[in-house]
């Protein structure tokens, strides 16, 4: 059974959540609007963690707004391993990363031997020392991904040789569609942990919340981020091609002035961290609670889009205690309807806040993955899907049933069930540092690496 502390915190959590949900349900229609440009304005309910471009705990972060019309944003979590060049050695035999750090230290002490220049895709450190201008992989130090004077990583030339490419993971936070954020302290901690363990670039999606933004706003926001990722990859490739073509002397029938226009246009739109280190062909979706519903929706839309999303390819998804429900109750929905943190009554209320009144149904395609006539691609085309469930979560049975349906059509869809665990046991603020939460993150990393490893499926249960 959960500890006494968990039980007491659950009582307080449910009291506060019920008050928030009811107050929003009773709010006048004109108060529950998206506001100017669709941006949701509401008092802060969770403490936000500031973005930190330093490699704190081995991960640097930054915030990027991807849509000028709405409040959709992503927080980028970049692990420090992107700076490692396992096969690169300096002429002295020392690892290239140590050589780069040495150069950065000299710059930070104000040596006149080094200067900072602004490139089309970020800030790079240039050195006039001839013995450091070339390294073993054939590129100049300008190509290496160096930090600035205070250790802040800003992202560098995506066409540089030697940069390490990491898989990209889109993460969708929980909160019943009506609360939570991608920059909360709890979500920041969880994403840092996942970025380190899985060795991936995590994009935590800040989607629009209900009731200010009804369905399908939050779901479309998730898909919008996936399309943005594809656009970033294509812009970076265009910049790389333009640079290579010019260097090779290919006549592209463009004046030098036009080249400057093209380079400036591309640079203004490219996110340098992703351009330098992202590998969108190894994309994983991870959804927490209601975020799992969004992740599953995005996965289905990615299948429908097919090559239109190239080079992005969703290779796997992780559904952590998904927010599934249905009109015909399962065994767990009957037995555990008053379970910890999110009971059934409050979840039904959350669905009422999300779905337009004329569309409200517990068998809505967004709520029930097993409803007949759901539409979309057949289940056999779904990506490998890991489902995480908790013993004391009333939504567990429907998530397990969905996984069983995937396995019936030969989709790799294991279920990890954690004993004595509650809904959001691995992502809730007070439970993040428990051994069970750490073990869950490690289990996710083991499974995910089967599908993102460049060396094949060397990890398996």
Protein backbone atom coordinates (compact mmCIF):
# COMPACT_ATOMS: atom_id res chain seq x y z
CA UNK A 1 0.00 0.00 0.00
CA UNK A 2 1.13 3.62 -0.53
CA UNK A 3 2.78 5.30 2.45
CA UNK A 4 0.94 7.49 4.94
CA UNK A 5 2.62 10.55 3.43
CA UNK A 6 1.31 9.70 -0.04
CA UNK A 7 -2.21 9.16 1.33
CA UNK A 8 -2.22 12.50 3.17
CA UNK A 9 -0.81 14.38 0.18
CA UNK A 10 -3.41 12.72 -2.03
CA UNK A 11 -6.24 14.09 0.13
CA UNK A 12 -4.83 17.62 -0.10
CA UNK A 13 -4.12 17.26 -3.83
CA UNK A 14 -7.65 16.07 -4.62
CA UNK A 15 -9.22 18.86 -2.56
CA UNK A 16 -7.27 21.54 -4.44
CA UNK A 17 -7.82 19.94 -7.83
CA UNK A 18 -11.55 19.58 -7.29
CA UNK A 19 -11.80 23.24 -6.32
CA UNK A 20 -9.93 24.31 -9.48
CA UNK A 21 -11.99 22.13 -11.79
CA UNK A 22 -15.32 23.21 -10.36
CA UNK A 23 -14.40 26.90 -10.45
CA UNK A 24 -13.48 26.61 -14.13
CA UNK A 25 -16.59 24.65 -14.95
CA UNK A 26 -18.75 27.37 -13.36
CA UNK A 27 -16.83 30.27 -14.93
CA UNK A 28 -18.77 32.40 -17.43
CA UNK A 29 -18.20 31.42 -21.04
CA UNK A 30 -16.55 34.74 -21.87
CA UNK A 31 -14.03 34.21 -19.06
CA UNK A 32 -13.02 30.82 -20.40
CA UNK A 33 -11.65 32.13 -23.64
CA UNK A 34 -8.24 31.87 -25.12
CA UNK A 35 -7.65 35.58 -24.80
CA UNK A 36 -5.65 37.61 -27.27
CA UNK A 37 -4.04 35.44 -29.95
CA UNK A 38 -5.24 32.32 -28.15
CA UNK A 39 -2.84 32.73 -25.22
CA UNK A 40 -4.13 31.31 -21.95
CA UNK A 41 -3.82 33.73 -19.03
CA UNK A 42 -4.32 32.28 -15.57
CA UNK A 43 -2.62 32.53 -12.17
CA UNK A 44 0.43 30.35 -11.79
CA UNK A 45 -0.50 27.08 -10.07
CA UNK A 46 2.91 25.47 -10.17
CA UNK A 47 6.38 26.82 -9.55
CA UNK A 48 8.18 27.30 -12.83
CA UNK A 49 11.81 26.33 -13.33
CA UNK A 50 13.79 28.91 -15.26
CA UNK A 51 15.51 27.76 -18.44
CA UNK A 52 19.22 27.24 -17.85
CA UNK A 53 21.61 27.17 -20.83
CA UNK A 54 24.39 25.88 -18.57
CA UNK A 55 24.95 22.13 -18.42
CA UNK A 56 23.51 21.86 -14.92
CA UNK A 57 23.35 18.19 -13.94
CA UNK A 58 24.57 17.41 -17.43
CA UNK A 59 21.62 19.01 -19.25
CA UNK A 60 21.19 22.51 -20.75
CA UNK A 61 17.73 23.98 -21.37
CA UNK A 62 16.15 26.76 -23.37
CA UNK A 63 12.59 27.82 -24.26
CA UNK A 64 11.39 28.26 -27.84
CA UNK A 65 8.01 29.64 -28.95
CA UNK A 66 7.15 27.89 -32.18
CA UNK A 67 3.88 29.57 -33.14
CA UNK A 68 3.36 33.35 -33.32
CA UNK A 69 -0.42 32.98 -33.10
CA UNK A 70 -0.75 30.79 -30.00
CA UNK A 71 1.17 30.13 -26.80
CA UNK A 72 2.57 26.82 -28.05
CA UNK A 73 6.18 26.45 -26.94
CA UNK A 74 8.80 23.83 -26.29
CA UNK A 75 11.49 23.57 -23.67
CA UNK A 76 14.60 21.99 -25.18
CA UNK A 77 16.64 19.66 -22.92
CA UNK A 78 20.09 19.08 -24.43
CA UNK A 79 22.33 16.50 -22.68
CA UNK A 80 26.02 17.31 -22.39
CA UNK A 81 26.88 14.10 -24.20
CA UNK A 82 26.24 15.98 -27.45
CA UNK A 83 29.72 17.47 -26.97
CA UNK A 84 31.41 14.08 -26.85
CA UNK A 85 33.29 12.80 -29.88
CA UNK A 86 34.04 9.17 -28.96
CA UNK A 87 36.24 8.50 -31.99
CA UNK A 88 37.98 11.87 -32.10
CA UNK A 89 41.46 12.39 -30.65
CA UNK A 90 43.66 15.43 -30.61
CA UNK A 91 47.20 15.24 -31.94
CA UNK A 92 48.42 14.82 -28.37
CA UNK A 93 46.18 11.79 -27.95
CA UNK A 94 43.79 13.53 -25.55
CA UNK A 95 40.04 13.34 -26.18
CA UNK A 96 38.80 16.15 -28.39
CA UNK A 97 36.28 17.21 -25.74
CA UNK A 98 39.13 17.94 -23.31
CA UNK A 99 40.89 19.93 -26.02
CA UNK A 100 37.75 21.99 -26.63
CA UNK A 101 37.28 22.62 -22.93
CA UNK A 102 40.87 23.81 -22.68
CA UNK A 103 40.27 26.25 -25.51
CA UNK A 104 37.09 27.45 -23.83
CA UNK A 105 38.90 28.05 -20.55
CA UNK A 106 41.52 30.18 -22.30
CA UNK A 107 38.77 32.20 -23.91
CA UNK A 108 36.95 32.69 -20.61
CA UNK A 109 40.05 34.24 -19.04
CA UNK A 110 40.09 36.94 -21.67
CA UNK A 111 43.04 35.79 -23.71
CA UNK A 112 43.64 37.98 -26.72
CA UNK A 113 44.35 34.85 -28.75
CA UNK A 114 40.65 34.10 -29.06
CA UNK A 115 37.69 36.03 -30.36
CA UNK A 116 33.96 35.48 -30.70
CA UNK A 117 32.27 35.83 -34.05
CA UNK A 118 28.62 35.55 -34.96
CA UNK A 119 27.92 32.90 -37.57
CA UNK A 120 24.70 32.34 -39.46
CA UNK A 121 23.63 29.67 -37.00
CA UNK A 122 24.93 30.72 -33.62
CA UNK A 123 28.04 31.94 -31.81
CA UNK A 124 31.28 30.09 -32.25
CA UNK A 125 34.70 30.51 -30.66
CA UNK A 126 37.55 31.16 -33.05
CA UNK A 127 41.17 30.69 -32.14
CA UNK A 128 44.16 32.04 -34.06
CA UNK A 129 46.43 29.36 -32.63
CA UNK A 130 47.51 27.32 -35.62
CA UNK A 131 48.02 24.14 -33.59
CA UNK A 132 44.36 24.18 -32.55
CA UNK A 133 42.78 25.20 -35.83
CA UNK A 134 42.69 21.64 -37.08
CA UNK A 135 41.68 18.49 -35.26
CA UNK A 136 41.78 14.81 -36.05
CA UNK A 137 38.41 14.56 -37.75
CA UNK A 138 39.51 16.97 -40.42
CA UNK A 139 37.46 20.00 -39.43
CA UNK A 140 38.50 23.27 -37.89
CA UNK A 141 37.87 24.23 -34.30
CA UNK A 142 35.15 26.46 -35.72
CA UNK A 143 33.25 23.28 -36.55
CA UNK A 144 33.47 21.94 -33.03
CA UNK A 145 30.63 22.66 -30.65
CA UNK A 146 32.19 24.88 -28.00
CA UNK A 147 30.68 26.71 -25.05
CA UNK A 148 30.82 30.44 -24.60
CA UNK A 149 32.83 32.22 -21.93
CA UNK A 150 30.47 31.46 -19.05
CA UNK A 151 29.86 27.83 -19.99
CA UNK A 152 26.56 28.59 -21.69
CA UNK A 153 25.89 26.40 -24.72
CA UNK A 154 24.22 28.30 -27.55
CA UNK A 155 24.29 25.84 -30.41
CA UNK A 156 26.62 26.07 -33.34
CA UNK A 157 27.14 25.50 -37.02
CA UNK A 158 24.89 22.60 -38.11
CA UNK A 159 27.13 21.90 -41.09
CA UNK A 160 30.17 21.45 -38.88
CA UNK A 161 31.76 18.04 -38.88
CA UNK A 162 32.11 16.12 -35.66
CA UNK A 163 28.88 17.14 -33.96
CA UNK A 164 27.08 14.24 -32.32
CA UNK A 165 23.52 13.58 -33.41
CA UNK A 166 21.05 12.55 -30.73
CA UNK A 167 17.52 11.15 -31.06
CA UNK A 168 14.66 13.56 -30.35
CA UNK A 169 11.91 12.85 -27.83
CA UNK A 170 8.66 14.86 -27.71
CA UNK A 171 7.31 14.91 -24.15
CA UNK A 172 3.74 15.86 -23.26
CA UNK A 173 3.09 16.73 -19.61
CA UNK A 174 0.10 15.66 -17.52
CA UNK A 175 -2.50 17.66 -15.63
CA UNK A 176 -5.85 16.46 -16.94
CA UNK A 177 -5.69 18.89 -19.90
CA UNK A 178 -6.53 21.75 -17.51
CA UNK A 179 -3.32 22.25 -15.53
CA UNK A 180 0.39 21.53 -15.61
CA UNK A 181 3.10 23.07 -17.76
CA UNK A 182 6.22 22.08 -19.63
CA UNK A 183 8.38 24.39 -17.48
CA UNK A 184 7.16 23.38 -14.01
CA UNK A 185 9.80 22.29 -11.51
CA UNK A 186 8.49 18.72 -11.52
CA UNK A 187 8.37 18.42 -15.31
CA UNK A 188 11.79 20.05 -15.65
CA UNK A 189 13.27 17.51 -13.22
CA UNK A 190 11.62 14.58 -15.00
CA UNK A 191 12.73 15.70 -18.47
CA UNK A 192 16.30 16.22 -17.29
CA UNK A 193 16.31 12.69 -15.92
CA UNK A 194 14.94 11.23 -19.16
CA UNK A 195 17.37 13.24 -21.32
CA UNK A 196 20.33 11.87 -19.33
CA UNK A 197 19.18 8.26 -19.11
CA UNK A 198 17.97 7.92 -22.69
CA UNK A 199 20.70 10.18 -24.12
CA UNK A 200 18.17 12.11 -26.19
CA UNK A 201 17.18 15.70 -26.85
CA UNK A 202 13.86 16.17 -25.07
CA UNK A 203 11.33 18.68 -26.39
CA UNK A 204 8.81 19.29 -23.60
CA UNK A 205 5.67 20.61 -25.28
CA UNK A 206 3.74 23.51 -23.74
CA UNK A 207 0.33 22.93 -25.28
CA UNK A 208 -2.81 25.03 -24.73
CA UNK A 209 -5.00 24.14 -21.76
CA UNK A 210 -8.74 23.71 -21.29
CA UNK A 211 -11.29 25.12 -20.75
CA UNK A 212 -9.87 28.23 -22.45
CA UNK A 213 -8.99 26.05 -25.41
CA UNK A 214 -11.35 23.19 -26.12
CA UNK A 215 -10.59 19.96 -27.95
CA UNK A 216 -8.79 19.48 -30.29
CA UNK A 217 -6.47 22.43 -29.44
CA UNK A 218 -4.05 20.55 -27.18
CA UNK A 219 -3.94 17.57 -29.55
CA UNK A 220 -3.31 19.76 -32.59
CA UNK A 221 -0.56 21.56 -30.68
CA UNK A 222 1.25 18.26 -30.23
CA UNK A 223 1.03 17.58 -33.96
CA UNK A 224 2.12 21.15 -34.68
CA UNK A 225 5.36 20.55 -32.76
CA UNK A 226 6.04 17.41 -34.80
CA UNK A 227 5.59 19.39 -38.04
CA UNK A 228 7.82 22.14 -36.60
CA UNK A 229 10.50 19.52 -35.95
CA UNK A 230 10.28 18.36 -39.57
CA UNK A 231 10.56 21.97 -40.73
CA UNK A 232 13.63 22.49 -38.56
CA UNK A 233 15.30 19.42 -40.01
CA UNK A 234 14.60 20.52 -43.57
CA UNK A 235 15.79 24.09 -42.97
CA UNK A 236 19.02 22.78 -41.47
CA UNK A 237 19.53 20.47 -44.44
CA UNK A 238 18.89 23.35 -46.86
CA UNK A 239 21.48 25.48 -45.08
CA UNK A 240 23.93 22.59 -45.21
CA UNK A 241 23.28 22.04 -48.93
CA UNK A 242 23.70 25.72 -49.73
CA UNK A 243 26.97 25.85 -47.88
CA UNK A 244 28.27 22.69 -49.52
CA UNK A 245 27.23 23.81 -52.98
CA UNK A 246 29.00 27.11 -52.64
CA UNK A 247 32.13 25.44 -51.35
CA UNK A 248 32.15 22.99 -54.25
CA UNK A 249 31.87 25.77 -56.78
CA UNK A 250 28.50 24.65 -58.14
CA UNK A 251 26.74 27.28 -60.21
CA UNK A 252 23.30 27.67 -58.66
CA UNK A 253 22.57 30.82 -60.68
CA UNK A 254 22.36 33.01 -57.61
CA UNK A 255 24.23 36.19 -56.98
CA UNK A 256 26.33 36.63 -53.87
CA UNK A 257 23.75 39.07 -52.58
CA UNK A 258 21.01 36.48 -52.92
CA UNK A 259 23.12 34.00 -51.03
CA UNK A 260 23.27 36.38 -48.11
CA UNK A 261 19.49 36.75 -48.18
CA UNK A 262 19.00 32.97 -48.24
CA UNK A 263 21.47 32.37 -45.43
CA UNK A 264 19.97 35.08 -43.25
CA UNK A 265 16.45 33.81 -43.86
CA UNK A 266 17.37 30.25 -42.93
CA UNK A 267 19.37 31.27 -39.89
CA UNK A 268 16.53 33.33 -38.48
CA UNK A 269 14.27 30.27 -38.47
CA UNK A 270 16.64 27.48 -37.48
CA UNK A 271 16.87 26.34 -33.87
CA UNK A 272 20.65 25.84 -33.57
CA UNK A 273 20.62 23.15 -30.87
CA UNK A 274 18.42 20.90 -32.99
CA UNK A 275 20.26 21.77 -36.19
CA UNK A 276 23.62 20.88 -34.67
CA UNK A 277 22.66 17.80 -32.67
CA UNK A 278 19.14 16.54 -33.46
CA UNK A 279 18.41 13.36 -35.40
CA UNK A 280 14.67 13.53 -36.20
CA UNK A 281 14.78 10.17 -37.98
CA UNK A 282 14.88 8.68 -34.48
CA UNK A 283 11.90 10.41 -32.87
CA UNK A 284 10.16 9.08 -29.76
CA UNK A 285 6.89 10.31 -28.23
CA UNK A 286 6.44 10.23 -24.44
CA UNK A 287 3.15 11.19 -22.85
CA UNK A 288 2.36 11.52 -19.15
CA UNK A 289 -1.26 10.94 -18.05
CA UNK A 290 -3.37 13.12 -20.40
CA UNK A 291 -0.16 13.72 -22.34
CA UNK A 292 -0.25 10.04 -23.27
CA UNK A 293 -3.57 10.64 -25.06
CA UNK A 294 -1.91 13.46 -26.99
CA UNK A 295 1.13 11.30 -27.80
CA UNK A 296 -1.08 8.50 -29.14
CA UNK A 297 -2.98 11.03 -31.28
CA UNK A 298 0.27 12.46 -32.66
CA UNK A 299 1.55 8.95 -33.43
CA UNK A 300 -1.59 8.15 -35.43
CA UNK A 301 -1.38 11.44 -37.34
CA UNK A 302 2.29 10.82 -38.07
CA UNK A 303 1.36 7.50 -39.66
CA UNK A 304 -1.29 9.20 -41.78
CA UNK A 305 1.16 11.91 -42.86
CA UNK A 306 3.76 9.36 -43.96
CA UNK A 307 6.53 10.88 -46.07
CA UNK A 308 5.09 14.37 -45.66
CA UNK A 309 6.93 14.46 -42.32
CA UNK A 310 10.30 13.42 -43.74
CA UNK A 311 12.90 13.27 -42.33
CA UNK A 312 11.00 12.88 -39.05
CA UNK A 313 10.15 9.28 -38.22
CA UNK A 314 8.34 8.24 -35.05
CA UNK A 315 10.09 5.01 -34.06
CA UNK A 316 8.41 4.43 -30.66
CA UNK A 317 6.10 5.91 -28.07
CA UNK A 318 5.82 5.67 -24.29
CA UNK A 319 2.40 6.02 -22.64
CA UNK A 320 2.74 6.64 -18.90
CA UNK A 321 -0.52 5.88 -17.05
CA UNK A 322 -2.66 7.18 -19.96
CA UNK A 323 -5.80 9.19 -19.24
CA UNK A 324 -8.13 6.69 -20.93
CA UNK A 325 -11.79 6.29 -20.00
CA UNK A 326 -14.98 4.79 -21.45
CA UNK A 327 -18.71 4.54 -20.91
CA UNK A 328 -18.57 0.83 -20.00
CA UNK A 329 -16.48 0.65 -16.81
CA UNK A 330 -13.60 -1.80 -16.47
CA UNK A 331 -12.84 -3.77 -13.32
CA UNK A 332 -10.30 -1.22 -12.07
CA UNK A 333 -12.67 1.66 -12.81
CA UNK A 334 -15.21 0.08 -10.48
CA UNK A 335 -12.86 -1.12 -7.76
CA UNK A 336 -10.54 1.93 -7.67
CA UNK A 337 -12.92 4.72 -8.70
CA UNK A 338 -11.95 6.70 -5.59
CA UNK A 339 -8.23 6.08 -5.95
CA UNK A 340 -5.36 8.39 -5.09
CA UNK A 341 -4.76 11.84 -6.64
CA UNK A 342 -7.04 11.52 -9.69
CA UNK A 343 -10.32 9.74 -8.92
CA UNK A 344 -12.91 8.94 -11.57
CA UNK A 345 -15.29 11.80 -10.72
CA UNK A 346 -12.57 14.42 -11.17
CA UNK A 347 -11.37 12.87 -14.41
CA UNK A 348 -14.90 12.96 -15.84
CA UNK A 349 -15.02 16.64 -14.85
CA UNK A 350 -11.73 17.24 -16.66
CA UNK A 351 -13.15 15.66 -19.83
CA UNK A 352 -16.19 17.96 -19.56
CA UNK A 353 -13.84 20.92 -19.48
CA UNK A 354 -11.89 19.71 -22.51
CA UNK A 355 -14.60 18.48 -24.86
CA UNK A 356 -17.12 20.85 -26.42
CA UNK A 357 -20.55 20.35 -24.86
CA UNK A 358 -22.05 18.94 -28.05
CA UNK A 359 -19.19 16.41 -28.36
CA UNK A 360 -18.98 15.25 -24.75
CA UNK A 361 -18.86 11.49 -24.44
CA UNK A 362 -16.72 9.11 -22.42
CA UNK A 363 -16.34 7.15 -25.64
CA UNK A 364 -14.94 10.11 -27.54
CA UNK A 365 -12.00 8.96 -29.73
CA UNK A 366 -9.65 11.12 -27.65
CA UNK A 367 -10.82 9.42 -24.44
CA UNK A 368 -11.35 5.78 -25.40
CA UNK A 369 -8.72 4.20 -27.68
CA UNK A 370 -10.79 1.02 -28.02
CA UNK A 371 -14.05 2.57 -29.22
CA UNK A 372 -15.31 1.18 -32.49
CA UNK A 373 -15.12 3.54 -35.43
CA UNK A 374 -12.29 5.54 -33.91
CA UNK A 375 -10.85 6.12 -37.33
CA UNK A 376 -7.25 6.74 -38.23
CA UNK A 377 -4.69 4.14 -39.30
CA UNK A 378 -5.11 0.45 -38.37
CA UNK A 379 -3.50 -0.59 -35.09
CA UNK A 380 -0.96 -2.78 -36.88
CA UNK A 381 0.70 0.36 -38.24
CA UNK A 382 1.19 1.93 -34.82
CA UNK A 383 4.79 2.35 -33.61
CA UNK A 384 6.18 0.17 -30.81
CA UNK A 385 4.36 1.29 -27.65
CA UNK A 386 5.50 0.92 -24.05
CA UNK A 387 2.68 1.35 -21.51
CA UNK A 388 3.42 2.19 -17.87
CA UNK A 389 0.65 1.55 -15.33
CA UNK A 390 0.30 1.77 -11.55
CA UNK A 391 -1.38 -0.80 -9.30
CA UNK A 392 -3.58 1.77 -7.54
CA UNK A 393 -4.63 3.72 -10.64
CA UNK A 394 -8.27 3.29 -11.63
CA UNK A 395 -7.39 3.89 -15.32
CA UNK A 396 -4.93 1.01 -15.51
CA UNK A 397 -7.19 -1.70 -17.02
CA UNK A 398 -8.10 0.26 -20.13
CA UNK A 399 -4.46 1.09 -20.76
CA UNK A 400 -3.57 -2.59 -20.44
CA UNK A 401 -6.43 -3.53 -22.78
CA UNK A 402 -5.15 -1.08 -25.40
CA UNK A 403 -1.70 -2.63 -25.14
CA UNK A 404 -3.20 -6.09 -25.58
CA UNK A 405 -4.95 -4.98 -28.76
CA UNK A 406 -1.65 -3.70 -30.13
CA UNK A 407 0.08 -7.00 -29.36
CA UNK A 408 -2.68 -8.90 -31.16
CA UNK A 409 -1.59 -7.24 -34.40
CA UNK A 410 2.12 -7.89 -33.69
CA UNK A 411 3.07 -4.42 -32.43
CA UNK A 412 5.83 -4.44 -29.82
CA UNK A 413 3.69 -3.24 -26.89
CA UNK A 414 4.88 -4.36 -23.45
CA UNK A 415 3.28 -3.23 -20.19
CA UNK A 416 5.26 -2.21 -17.12
CA UNK A 417 3.11 -2.40 -14.00
CA UNK A 418 4.47 -1.01 -10.74
CA UNK A 419 3.22 -2.43 -7.47
CA UNK A 420 2.01 -0.14 -4.67
CA UNK A 421 2.20 2.74 -7.15
CA UNK A 422 -0.33 5.51 -7.78
CA UNK A 423 -1.21 7.62 -10.80
CA UNK A 424 1.76 9.86 -11.73
CA UNK A 425 4.04 8.00 -9.30
CA UNK A 426 7.08 8.79 -11.49
CA UNK A 427 6.26 12.40 -12.38
CA UNK A 428 4.42 13.97 -9.42
CA UNK A 429 6.52 16.55 -7.56
CA UNK A 430 6.62 14.79 -4.17
CA UNK A 431 7.34 11.36 -5.69
CA UNK A 432 10.02 12.25 -8.24
CA UNK A 433 12.95 11.31 -6.03
CA UNK A 434 11.60 7.98 -4.85
CA UNK A 435 13.44 4.78 -5.85
CA UNK A 436 10.34 3.68 -7.75
CA UNK A 437 10.34 6.83 -9.90
CA UNK A 438 14.04 6.40 -10.66
CA UNK A 439 13.52 2.74 -11.54
CA UNK A 440 10.66 3.64 -13.88
CA UNK A 441 12.80 6.15 -15.77
CA UNK A 442 15.59 3.58 -16.09
CA UNK A 443 13.15 0.95 -17.37
CA UNK A 444 11.87 3.40 -19.98
CA UNK A 445 15.44 4.11 -21.09
CA UNK A 446 16.22 0.40 -21.48
CA UNK A 447 13.19 -0.13 -23.71
CA UNK A 448 13.53 3.06 -25.74
CA UNK A 449 17.16 2.35 -26.59
CA UNK A 450 16.06 -0.68 -28.57
CA UNK A 451 14.62 1.66 -31.17
CA UNK A 452 16.95 4.65 -31.11
CA UNK A 453 20.29 2.87 -31.04
CA UNK A 454 22.35 3.14 -34.21
CA UNK A 455 23.83 -0.27 -33.45
CA UNK A 456 20.57 -2.16 -33.47
CA UNK A 457 18.45 -3.77 -30.76
CA UNK A 458 21.19 -4.55 -28.27
CA UNK A 459 18.92 -3.66 -25.33
CA UNK A 460 15.91 -5.80 -24.53
CA UNK A 461 13.88 -7.28 -21.72
